Amino acid sequence: MFDIGMPELIVILIIALVIFGGKRLPEIAGALARGSENLKIRCAMKLKKKTERRKNEKP
């Protein structure tokens, strides 16, 4: 889907460091990690509910 190599990733990180600064970058990374974990949990719960619903519907 996205073909991002190591050089591109380094450039993105340098730009983020320049824009947000060294103090805010760890806060932003932590917020992104928490958001990603929350999304993962919600998707797993939704998939589990959908699977259980399908099991109950079939005779």
PDB file of N, CA and C in Angstrom:
ATOM      1  N   MET A   1       0.826  -1.179   0.000  1.00  0.00           N
ATOM      2  CA  MET A   1       0.000   0.000   0.000  1.00  0.00           C
ATOM      3  C   MET A   1       0.876   1.250   0.000  1.00  0.00           C
ATOM      4  N   PHE A   2       1.582   1.474   1.091  1.00  0.00           N
ATOM      5  CA  PHE A   2       2.504   2.599   1.151  1.00  0.00           C
ATOM      6  C   PHE A   2       3.911   2.042   1.076  1.00  0.00           C
ATOM      7  N   ASP A   3       4.646   2.496   0.118  1.00  0.00           N
ATOM      8  CA  ASP A   3       6.009   2.013  -0.051  1.00  0.00           C
ATOM      9  C   ASP A   3       6.969   3.070   0.492  1.00  0.00           C
ATOM     10  N   ILE A   4       7.089   3.121   1.833  1.00  0.00           N
ATOM     11  CA  ILE A   4       7.961   4.095   2.480  1.00  0.00           C
ATOM     12  C   ILE A   4       9.202   3.364   2.953  1.00  0.00           C
ATOM     13  N   GLY A   5      10.339   3.807   2.463  1.00  0.00           N
ATOM     14  CA  GLY A   5      11.593   3.209   2.864  1.00  0.00           C
ATOM     15  C   GLY A   5      12.204   3.956   4.040  1.00  0.00           C
ATOM     16  N   MET A   6      13.365   3.513   4.453  1.00  0.00           N
ATOM     17  CA  MET A   6      14.046   4.117   5.593  1.00  0.00           C
ATOM     18  C   MET A   6      14.426   5.576   5.336  1.00  0.00           C
ATOM     19  N   PRO A   7      14.945   5.946   4.173  1.00  0.00           N
ATOM     20  CA  PRO A   7      15.284   7.360   3.960  1.00  0.00           C
ATOM     21  C   PRO A   7      14.063   8.290   4.055  1.00  0.00           C
ATOM     22  N   GLU A   8      12.947   7.850   3.511  1.00  0.00           N
ATOM     23  CA  GLU A   8      11.731   8.668   3.579  1.00  0.00           C
ATOM     24  C   GLU A   8      11.251   8.813   5.011  1.00  0.00           C
ATOM     25  N   LEU A   9      11.334   7.720   5.769  1.00  0.00           N
ATOM     26  CA  LEU A   9      10.911   7.748   7.165  1.00  0.00           C
ATOM     27  C   LEU A   9      11.790   8.697   7.984  1.00  0.00           C
ATOM     28  N   ILE A  10      13.076   8.695   7.727  1.00  0.00           N
ATOM     29  CA  ILE A  10      14.000   9.597   8.428  1.00  0.00           C
ATOM     30  C   ILE A  10      13.672  11.049   8.109  1.00  0.00           C
ATOM     31  N   VAL A  11      13.379  11.344   6.843  1.00  0.00           N
ATOM     32  CA  VAL A  11      13.021  12.714   6.460  1.00  0.00           C
ATOM     33  C   VAL A  11      11.736  13.141   7.164  1.00  0.00           C
ATOM     34  N   ILE A  12      10.749  12.270   7.227  1.00  0.00           N
ATOM     35  CA  ILE A  12       9.489  12.584   7.911  1.00  0.00           C
ATOM     36  C   ILE A  12       9.746  12.856   9.395  1.00  0.00           C
ATOM     37  N   LEU A  13      10.561  12.046  10.030  1.00  0.00           N
ATOM     38  CA  LEU A  13      10.864  12.247  11.447  1.00  0.00           C
ATOM     39  C   LEU A  13      11.614  13.552  11.685  1.00  0.00           C
ATOM     40  N   ILE A  14      12.536  13.904  10.809  1.00  0.00           N
ATOM     41  CA  ILE A  14      13.277  15.171  10.942  1.00  0.00           C
ATOM     42  C   ILE A  14      12.323  16.357  10.787  1.00  0.00           C
ATOM     43  N   ILE A  15      11.422  16.282   9.820  1.00  0.00           N
ATOM     44  CA  ILE A  15      10.441  17.360   9.630  1.00  0.00           C
ATOM     45  C   ILE A  15       9.549  17.481  10.865  1.00  0.00           C
ATOM     46  N   ALA A  16       9.105  16.357  11.421  1.00  0.00           N
ATOM     47  CA  ALA A  16       8.274  16.383  12.629  1.00  0.00           C
ATOM     48  C   ALA A  16       9.041  16.979  13.801  1.00  0.00           C
ATOM     49  N   LEU A  17      10.316  16.666  13.914  1.00  0.00           N
ATOM     50  CA  LEU A  17      11.150  17.215  14.981  1.00  0.00           C
ATOM     51  C   LEU A  17      11.290  18.723  14.844  1.00  0.00           C
ATOM     52  N   VAL A  18      11.448  19.198  13.620  1.00  0.00           N
ATOM     53  CA  VAL A  18      11.580  20.639  13.386  1.00  0.00           C
ATOM     54  C   VAL A  18      10.253  21.349  13.676  1.00  0.00           C
ATOM     55  N   ILE A  19       9.150  20.759  13.241  1.00  0.00           N
ATOM     56  CA  ILE A  19       7.843  21.407  13.412  1.00  0.00           C
ATOM     57  C   ILE A  19       7.418  21.411  14.879  1.00  0.00           C
ATOM     58  N   PHE A  20       7.498  20.263  15.557  1.00  0.00           N
ATOM     59  CA  PHE A  20       6.953  20.143  16.905  1.00  0.00           C
ATOM     60  C   PHE A  20       7.986  20.352  18.008  1.00  0.00           C
ATOM     61  N   GLY A  21       9.245  20.180  17.715  1.00  0.00           N
ATOM     62  CA  GLY A  21      10.274  20.349  18.727  1.00  0.00           C
ATOM     63  C   GLY A  21      10.519  19.075  19.514  1.00  0.00           C
ATOM     64  N   GLY A  22      11.636  19.054  20.209  1.00  0.00           N
ATOM     65  CA  GLY A  22      12.049  17.869  20.947  1.00  0.00           C
ATOM     66  C   GLY A  22      11.196  17.561  22.164  1.00  0.00           C
ATOM     67  N   LYS A  23      10.588  18.596  22.766  1.00  0.00           N
ATOM     68  CA  LYS A  23       9.795  18.373  23.973  1.00  0.00           C
ATOM     69  C   LYS A  23       8.427  17.788  23.661  1.00  0.00           C
ATOM     70  N   ARG A  24       7.804  18.222  22.580  1.00  0.00           N
ATOM     71  CA  ARG A  24       6.449  17.777  22.265  1.00  0.00           C
ATOM     72  C   ARG A  24       6.423  16.463  21.495  1.00  0.00           C
ATOM     73  N   LEU A  25       7.508  16.110  20.831  1.00  0.00           N
ATOM     74  CA  LEU A  25       7.522  14.901  20.004  1.00  0.00           C
ATOM     75  C   LEU A  25       7.232  13.623  20.802  1.00  0.00           C
ATOM     76  N   PRO A  26       7.814  13.416  21.994  1.00  0.00           N
ATOM     77  CA  PRO A  26       7.455  12.222  22.771  1.00  0.00           C
ATOM     78  C   PRO A  26       5.984  12.203  23.194  1.00  0.00           C
ATOM     79  N   GLU A  27       5.428  13.378  23.496  1.00  0.00           N
ATOM     80  CA  GLU A  27       4.010  13.448  23.856  1.00  0.00           C
ATOM     81  C   GLU A  27       3.137  13.030  22.675  1.00  0.00           C
ATOM     82  N   ILE A  28       3.472  13.514  21.507  1.00  0.00           N
ATOM     83  CA  ILE A  28       2.706  13.184  20.303  1.00  0.00           C
ATOM     84  C   ILE A  28       2.830  11.703  19.986  1.00  0.00           C
ATOM     85  N   ALA A  29       4.033  11.155  20.114  1.00  0.00           N
ATOM     86  CA  ALA A  29       4.237   9.725  19.852  1.00  0.00           C
ATOM     87  C   ALA A  29       3.430   8.879  20.839  1.00  0.00           C
ATOM     88  N   GLY A  30       3.398   9.291  22.101  1.00  0.00           N
ATOM     89  CA  GLY A  30       2.620   8.563  23.099  1.00  0.00           C
ATOM     90  C   GLY A  30       1.128   8.606  22.793  1.00  0.00           C
ATOM     91  N   ALA A  31       0.654   9.774  22.375  1.00  0.00           N
ATOM     92  CA  ALA A  31      -0.765   9.908  22.031  1.00  0.00           C
ATOM     93  C   ALA A  31      -1.107   9.039  20.823  1.00  0.00           C
ATOM     94  N   LEU A  32      -0.235   9.006  19.841  1.00  0.00           N
ATOM     95  CA  LEU A  32      -0.463   8.154  18.669  1.00  0.00           C
ATOM     96  C   LEU A  32      -0.469   6.673  19.053  1.00  0.00           C
ATOM     97  N   ALA A  33       0.425   6.296  19.945  1.00  0.00           N
ATOM     98  CA  ALA A  33       0.479   4.896  20.389  1.00  0.00           C
ATOM     99  C   ALA A  33      -0.794   4.517  21.150  1.00  0.00           C
ATOM    100  N   ARG A  34      -1.265   5.408  22.029  1.00  0.00           N
ATOM    101  CA  ARG A  34      -2.502   5.121  22.776  1.00  0.00           C
ATOM    102  C   ARG A  34      -3.687   5.044  21.823  1.00  0.00           C
ATOM    103  N   GLY A  35      -3.728   5.945  20.849  1.00  0.00           N
ATOM    104  CA  GLY A  35      -4.816   5.915  19.876  1.00  0.00           C
ATOM    105  C   GLY A  35      -4.800   4.648  19.038  1.00  0.00           C
ATOM    106  N   SER A  36      -3.627   4.222  18.662  1.00  0.00           N
ATOM    107  CA  SER A  36      -3.492   2.992  17.885  1.00  0.00           C
ATOM    108  C   SER A  36      -3.927   1.782  18.703  1.00  0.00           C
ATOM    109  N   GLU A  37      -3.544   1.739  19.968  1.00  0.00           N
ATOM    110  CA  GLU A  37      -3.937   0.634  20.842  1.00  0.00           C
ATOM    111  C   GLU A  37      -5.450   0.627  21.049  1.00  0.00           C
ATOM    112  N   ASN A  38      -6.033   1.801  21.233  1.00  0.00           N
ATOM    113  CA  ASN A  38      -7.477   1.913  21.410  1.00  0.00           C
ATOM    114  C   ASN A  38      -8.206   1.423  20.163  1.00  0.00           C
ATOM    115  N   LEU A  39      -7.718   1.796  18.994  1.00  0.00           N
ATOM    116  CA  LEU A  39      -8.315   1.348  17.740  1.00  0.00           C
ATOM    117  C   LEU A  39      -8.224  -0.171  17.602  1.00  0.00           C
ATOM    118  N   LYS A  40      -7.088  -0.724  17.972  1.00  0.00           N
ATOM    119  CA  LYS A  40      -6.887  -2.176  17.901  1.00  0.00           C
ATOM    120  C   LYS A  40      -7.880  -2.904  18.809  1.00  0.00           C
ATOM    121  N   ILE A  41      -8.065  -2.396  20.021  1.00  0.00           N
ATOM    122  CA  ILE A  41      -8.990  -3.020  20.971  1.00  0.00           C
ATOM    123  C   ILE A  41     -10.416  -2.934  20.457  1.00  0.00           C
ATOM    124  N   ARG A  42     -10.813  -1.762  19.957  1.00  0.00           N
ATOM    125  CA  ARG A  42     -12.176  -1.595  19.445  1.00  0.00           C
ATOM    126  C   ARG A  42     -12.448  -2.502  18.248  1.00  0.00           C
ATOM    127  N   CYS A  43     -11.482  -2.616  17.356  1.00  0.00           N
ATOM    128  CA  CYS A  43     -11.663  -3.483  16.185  1.00  0.00           C
ATOM    129  C   CYS A  43     -11.786  -4.942  16.610  1.00  0.00           C
ATOM    130  N   ALA A  44     -10.984  -5.354  17.580  1.00  0.00           N
ATOM    131  CA  ALA A  44     -11.057  -6.736  18.066  1.00  0.00           C
ATOM    132  C   ALA A  44     -12.406  -7.012  18.716  1.00  0.00           C
ATOM    133  N   MET A  45     -12.907  -6.057  19.499  1.00  0.00           N
ATOM    134  CA  MET A  45     -14.212  -6.235  20.141  1.00  0.00           C
ATOM    135  C   MET A  45     -15.323  -6.305  19.097  1.00  0.00           C
ATOM    136  N   LYS A  46     -15.246  -5.443  18.092  1.00  0.00           N
ATOM    137  CA  LYS A  46     -16.267  -5.420  17.047  1.00  0.00           C
ATOM    138  C   LYS A  46     -16.257  -6.735  16.269  1.00  0.00           C
ATOM    139  N   LEU A  47     -15.068  -7.232  15.949  1.00  0.00           N
ATOM    140  CA  LEU A  47     -14.947  -8.494  15.225  1.00  0.00           C
ATOM    141  C   LEU A  47     -15.487  -9.649  16.059  1.00  0.00           C
ATOM    142  N   LYS A  48     -15.208  -9.638  17.363  1.00  0.00           N
ATOM    143  CA  LYS A  48     -15.695 -10.691  18.247  1.00  0.00           C
ATOM    144  C   LYS A  48     -17.223 -10.674  18.316  1.00  0.00           C
ATOM    145  N   LYS A  49     -17.806  -9.487  18.442  1.00  0.00           N
ATOM    146  CA  LYS A  49     -19.270  -9.371  18.479  1.00  0.00           C
ATOM    147  C   LYS A  49     -19.894  -9.857  17.179  1.00  0.00           C
ATOM    148  N   LYS A  50     -19.278  -9.479  16.063  1.00  0.00           N
ATOM    149  CA  LYS A  50     -19.807  -9.880  14.762  1.00  0.00           C
ATOM    150  C   LYS A  50     -19.733 -11.399  14.597  1.00  0.00           C
ATOM    151  N   THR A  51     -18.625 -11.987  15.034  1.00  0.00           N
ATOM    152  CA  THR A  51     -18.464 -13.439  14.946  1.00  0.00           C
ATOM    153  C   THR A  51     -19.486 -14.155  15.818  1.00  0.00           C
ATOM    154  N   GLU A  52     -19.690 -13.660  17.044  1.00  0.00           N
ATOM    155  CA  GLU A  52     -20.672 -14.270  17.934  1.00  0.00           C
ATOM    156  C   GLU A  52     -22.088 -14.148  17.361  1.00  0.00           C
ATOM    157  N   ARG A  53     -22.385 -13.011  16.778  1.00  0.00           N
ATOM    158  CA  ARG A  53     -23.705 -12.804  16.183  1.00  0.00           C
ATOM    159  C   ARG A  53     -23.941 -13.782  15.041  1.00  0.00           C
ATOM    160  N   ARG A  54     -22.919 -13.998  14.208  1.00  0.00           N
ATOM    161  CA  ARG A  54     -23.056 -14.936  13.090  1.00  0.00           C
ATOM    162  C   ARG A  54     -23.207 -16.365  13.587  1.00  0.00           C
ATOM    163  N   LYS A  55     -22.519 -16.724  14.670  1.00  0.00           N
ATOM    164  CA  LYS A  55     -22.663 -18.073  15.222  1.00  0.00           C
ATOM    165  C   LYS A  55     -24.080 -18.292  15.730  1.00  0.00           C
ATOM    166  N   ASN A  56     -24.655 -17.271  16.353  1.00  0.00           N
ATOM    167  CA  ASN A  56     -26.012 -17.391  16.905  1.00  0.00           C
ATOM    168  C   ASN A  56     -27.082 -17.415  15.809  1.00  0.00           C
ATOM    169  N   GLU A  57     -26.814 -16.796  14.676  1.00  0.00           N
ATOM    170  CA  GLU A  57     -27.805 -16.747  13.594  1.00  0.00           C
ATOM    171  C   GLU A  57     -27.914 -18.072  12.858  1.00  0.00           C
ATOM    172  N   LYS A  58     -26.798 -18.777  12.697  1.00  0.00           N
ATOM    173  CA  LYS A  58     -26.815 -20.024  11.943  1.00  0.00           C
ATOM    174  C   LYS A  58     -27.383 -21.150  12.797  1.00  0.00           C
ATOM    175  N   PRO A  59     -28.272 -21.968  12.198  1.00  0.00           N
ATOM    176  CA  PRO A  59     -28.863 -23.083  12.950  1.00  0.00           C
ATOM    177  C   PRO A  59     -27.907 -24.241  13.135  1.00  0.00           C
TER     178      PRO A  59
END
